[in-house]
Amino acid sequence: MQQTTNTSAVASLVLGIVALATLLTAGLWFGCLPLPLILGILAWILGKGAMNTIDAGFGNPSERGMAVAGYVMGILSVVLSVVGMCCVVGALAGYVGIVLAPFWWLKQQPWQF
């Protein structure tokens, strides 16, 4: 049986690289913060599928490195994207808390002006 190129391994590697690259640019533009999450999930799924195919004997064993690299980069970009989103939400919550801080004493002691 001839072993062909596993397109899932290549796609996983490319998506993992693009996900990490867009994650690095998310600090410049927060609108692209969900993009590495989506690309990372796709790289994660395609990498795991490619590794399973290679382990089953249907893929080229020399491409397992690409599948593992895409799989790891997908996991890394998903984790870092979630951490980044939590930081953005926390910063926004802190900003709202600081903006509303002067009015908290009105709710706690309504008799003082």
C-alpha atoms as a PDB file:
ATOM      1  CA  MET A   1       0.000   0.000   0.000  1.00  0.00           C
ATOM      2  CA  GLN A   2       1.378   3.390  -1.001  1.00  0.00           C
ATOM      3  CA  GLN A   3       1.447   5.972   1.743  1.00  0.00           C
ATOM      4  CA  THR A   4       0.361   9.415   0.651  1.00  0.00           C
ATOM      5  CA  THR A   5       0.749  12.820   2.176  1.00  0.00           C
ATOM      6  CA  ASN A   6      -1.536  13.323   5.132  1.00  0.00           C
ATOM      7  CA  THR A   7      -3.263  16.642   4.439  1.00  0.00           C
ATOM      8  CA  SER A   8      -4.607  16.773   7.995  1.00  0.00           C
ATOM      9  CA  ALA A   9      -1.075  16.880   9.373  1.00  0.00           C
ATOM     10  CA  VAL A  10      -0.089  19.713   7.048  1.00  0.00           C
ATOM     11  CA  ALA A  11      -3.316  21.622   7.726  1.00  0.00           C
ATOM     12  CA  SER A  12      -2.858  21.176  11.472  1.00  0.00           C
ATOM     13  CA  LEU A  13       0.684  22.521  11.290  1.00  0.00           C
ATOM     14  CA  VAL A  14      -0.332  25.521   9.183  1.00  0.00           C
ATOM     15  CA  LEU A  15      -3.355  26.322  11.370  1.00  0.00           C
ATOM     16  CA  GLY A  16      -1.224  26.034  14.502  1.00  0.00           C
ATOM     17  CA  ILE A  17       1.363  28.445  13.128  1.00  0.00           C
ATOM     18  CA  VAL A  18      -1.309  30.916  11.998  1.00  0.00           C
ATOM     19  CA  ALA A  19      -3.102  30.636  15.360  1.00  0.00           C
ATOM     20  CA  LEU A  20       0.062  31.464  17.303  1.00  0.00           C
ATOM     21  CA  ALA A  21       0.922  34.294  14.909  1.00  0.00           C
ATOM     22  CA  THR A  22      -2.520  35.864  15.292  1.00  0.00           C
ATOM     23  CA  LEU A  23      -2.282  35.397  19.044  1.00  0.00           C
ATOM     24  CA  LEU A  24       0.875  37.503  19.071  1.00  0.00           C
ATOM     25  CA  THR A  25      -0.902  40.263  17.128  1.00  0.00           C
ATOM     26  CA  ALA A  26      -3.933  40.182  19.448  1.00  0.00           C
ATOM     27  CA  GLY A  27      -2.113  42.602  21.745  1.00  0.00           C
ATOM     28  CA  LEU A  28      -2.193  45.179  18.957  1.00  0.00           C
ATOM     29  CA  TRP A  29      -5.835  44.659  18.059  1.00  0.00           C
ATOM     30  CA  PHE A  30      -8.174  42.988  20.554  1.00  0.00           C
ATOM     31  CA  GLY A  31     -10.748  42.227  17.857  1.00  0.00           C
ATOM     32  CA  CYS A  32      -8.697  39.283  16.624  1.00  0.00           C
ATOM     33  CA  LEU A  33      -8.578  37.606  20.047  1.00  0.00           C
ATOM     34  CA  PRO A  34     -11.253  34.958  19.200  1.00  0.00           C
ATOM     35  CA  LEU A  35      -9.488  34.053  15.933  1.00  0.00           C
ATOM     36  CA  PRO A  36      -6.576  32.144  17.545  1.00  0.00           C
ATOM     37  CA  LEU A  37      -9.116  30.273  19.661  1.00  0.00           C
ATOM     38  CA  ILE A  38     -11.010  29.082  16.590  1.00  0.00           C
ATOM     39  CA  LEU A  39      -7.869  28.277  14.595  1.00  0.00           C
ATOM     40  CA  GLY A  40      -6.327  26.547  17.619  1.00  0.00           C
ATOM     41  CA  ILE A  41      -9.357  24.313  18.060  1.00  0.00           C
ATOM     42  CA  LEU A  42      -9.197  23.365  14.376  1.00  0.00           C
ATOM     43  CA  ALA A  43      -5.450  22.650  14.599  1.00  0.00           C
ATOM     44  CA  TRP A  44      -6.030  20.590  17.733  1.00  0.00           C
ATOM     45  CA  ILE A  45      -8.747  18.463  16.090  1.00  0.00           C
ATOM     46  CA  LEU A  46      -6.905  18.001  12.785  1.00  0.00           C
ATOM     47  CA  GLY A  47      -3.639  17.158  14.550  1.00  0.00           C
ATOM     48  CA  LYS A  48      -5.269  14.524  16.727  1.00  0.00           C
ATOM     49  CA  GLY A  49      -7.041  13.038  13.711  1.00  0.00           C
ATOM     50  CA  ALA A  50      -3.804  12.923  11.730  1.00  0.00           C
ATOM     51  CA  MET A  51      -1.961  11.248  14.611  1.00  0.00           C
ATOM     52  CA  ASN A  52      -4.716   8.642  14.906  1.00  0.00           C
ATOM     53  CA  THR A  53      -4.579   7.997  11.157  1.00  0.00           C
ATOM     54  CA  ILE A  54      -0.799   7.613  11.206  1.00  0.00           C
ATOM     55  CA  ASP A  55      -0.952   5.345  14.262  1.00  0.00           C
ATOM     56  CA  ALA A  56      -3.536   3.169  12.499  1.00  0.00           C
ATOM     57  CA  GLY A  57      -1.089   2.645   9.638  1.00  0.00           C
ATOM     58  CA  PHE A  58      -2.947   4.620   6.966  1.00  0.00           C
ATOM     59  CA  GLY A  59      -0.651   7.635   6.858  1.00  0.00           C
ATOM     60  CA  ASN A  60       2.982   8.400   6.280  1.00  0.00           C
ATOM     61  CA  PRO A  61       4.863   7.847   9.566  1.00  0.00           C
ATOM     62  CA  SER A  62       7.394  10.550   8.685  1.00  0.00           C
ATOM     63  CA  GLU A  63       4.611  13.152   8.911  1.00  0.00           C
ATOM     64  CA  ARG A  64       3.790  12.360  12.518  1.00  0.00           C
ATOM     65  CA  GLY A  65       6.070  15.218  13.610  1.00  0.00           C
ATOM     66  CA  MET A  66       3.957  17.728  11.681  1.00  0.00           C
ATOM     67  CA  ALA A  67       0.787  16.328  13.227  1.00  0.00           C
ATOM     68  CA  VAL A  68       2.224  16.501  16.751  1.00  0.00           C
ATOM     69  CA  ALA A  69       3.522  20.036  16.196  1.00  0.00           C
ATOM     70  CA  GLY A  70       0.119  21.212  14.944  1.00  0.00           C
ATOM     71  CA  TYR A  71      -1.598  19.437  17.825  1.00  0.00           C
ATOM     72  CA  VAL A  72       0.660  21.054  20.437  1.00  0.00           C
ATOM     73  CA  MET A  73       0.440  24.507  18.854  1.00  0.00           C
ATOM     74  CA  GLY A  74      -3.349  24.167  18.728  1.00  0.00           C
ATOM     75  CA  ILE A  75      -3.528  23.340  22.431  1.00  0.00           C
ATOM     76  CA  LEU A  76      -1.124  26.167  23.269  1.00  0.00           C
ATOM     77  CA  SER A  77      -3.054  28.748  21.267  1.00  0.00           C
ATOM     78  CA  VAL A  78      -6.379  27.669  22.812  1.00  0.00           C
ATOM     79  CA  VAL A  79      -5.014  27.921  26.348  1.00  0.00           C
ATOM     80  CA  LEU A  80      -3.342  31.277  25.726  1.00  0.00           C
ATOM     81  CA  SER A  81      -6.458  32.626  23.989  1.00  0.00           C
ATOM     82  CA  VAL A  82      -8.640  31.703  26.960  1.00  0.00           C
ATOM     83  CA  VAL A  83      -6.146  33.308  29.349  1.00  0.00           C
ATOM     84  CA  GLY A  84      -6.050  36.411  27.156  1.00  0.00           C
ATOM     85  CA  MET A  85      -9.835  36.643  27.059  1.00  0.00           C
ATOM     86  CA  CYS A  86      -9.972  36.306  30.844  1.00  0.00           C
ATOM     87  CA  CYS A  87      -7.444  39.139  31.154  1.00  0.00           C
ATOM     88  CA  VAL A  88      -9.461  41.384  28.844  1.00  0.00           C
ATOM     89  CA  VAL A  89     -12.686  40.659  30.742  1.00  0.00           C
ATOM     90  CA  GLY A  90     -10.916  41.258  34.058  1.00  0.00           C
ATOM     91  CA  ALA A  91      -9.477  44.549  32.830  1.00  0.00           C
ATOM     92  CA  LEU A  92     -12.889  45.695  31.655  1.00  0.00           C
ATOM     93  CA  ALA A  93     -14.460  44.708  34.971  1.00  0.00           C
ATOM     94  CA  GLY A  94     -11.737  46.581  36.838  1.00  0.00           C
ATOM     95  CA  TYR A  95     -12.282  49.647  34.687  1.00  0.00           C
ATOM     96  CA  VAL A  96     -16.028  49.588  35.358  1.00  0.00           C
ATOM     97  CA  GLY A  97     -15.331  49.162  39.070  1.00  0.00           C
ATOM     98  CA  ILE A  98     -12.992  52.154  39.131  1.00  0.00           C
ATOM     99  CA  VAL A  99     -15.444  54.311  37.180  1.00  0.00           C
ATOM    100  CA  LEU A 100     -18.295  53.465  39.544  1.00  0.00           C
ATOM    101  CA  ALA A 101     -16.183  53.710  42.731  1.00  0.00           C
ATOM    102  CA  PRO A 102     -17.094  57.340  43.571  1.00  0.00           C
ATOM    103  CA  PHE A 103     -20.789  56.429  43.685  1.00  0.00           C
ATOM    104  CA  TRP A 104     -20.523  53.424  45.987  1.00  0.00           C
ATOM    105  CA  TRP A 105     -20.712  55.532  49.146  1.00  0.00           C
ATOM    106  CA  LEU A 106     -24.147  56.793  48.045  1.00  0.00           C
ATOM    107  CA  LYS A 107     -25.523  53.262  48.192  1.00  0.00           C
ATOM    108  CA  GLN A 108     -23.841  52.485  51.520  1.00  0.00           C
ATOM    109  CA  GLN A 109     -24.664  55.721  53.399  1.00  0.00           C
ATOM    110  CA  PRO A 110     -27.610  57.483  51.752  1.00  0.00           C
ATOM    111  CA  TRP A 111     -27.902  60.171  54.489  1.00  0.00           C
ATOM    112  CA  GLN A 112     -24.561  61.785  53.631  1.00  0.00           C
ATOM    113  CA  PHE A 113     -24.080  63.968  50.610  1.00  0.00           C
END
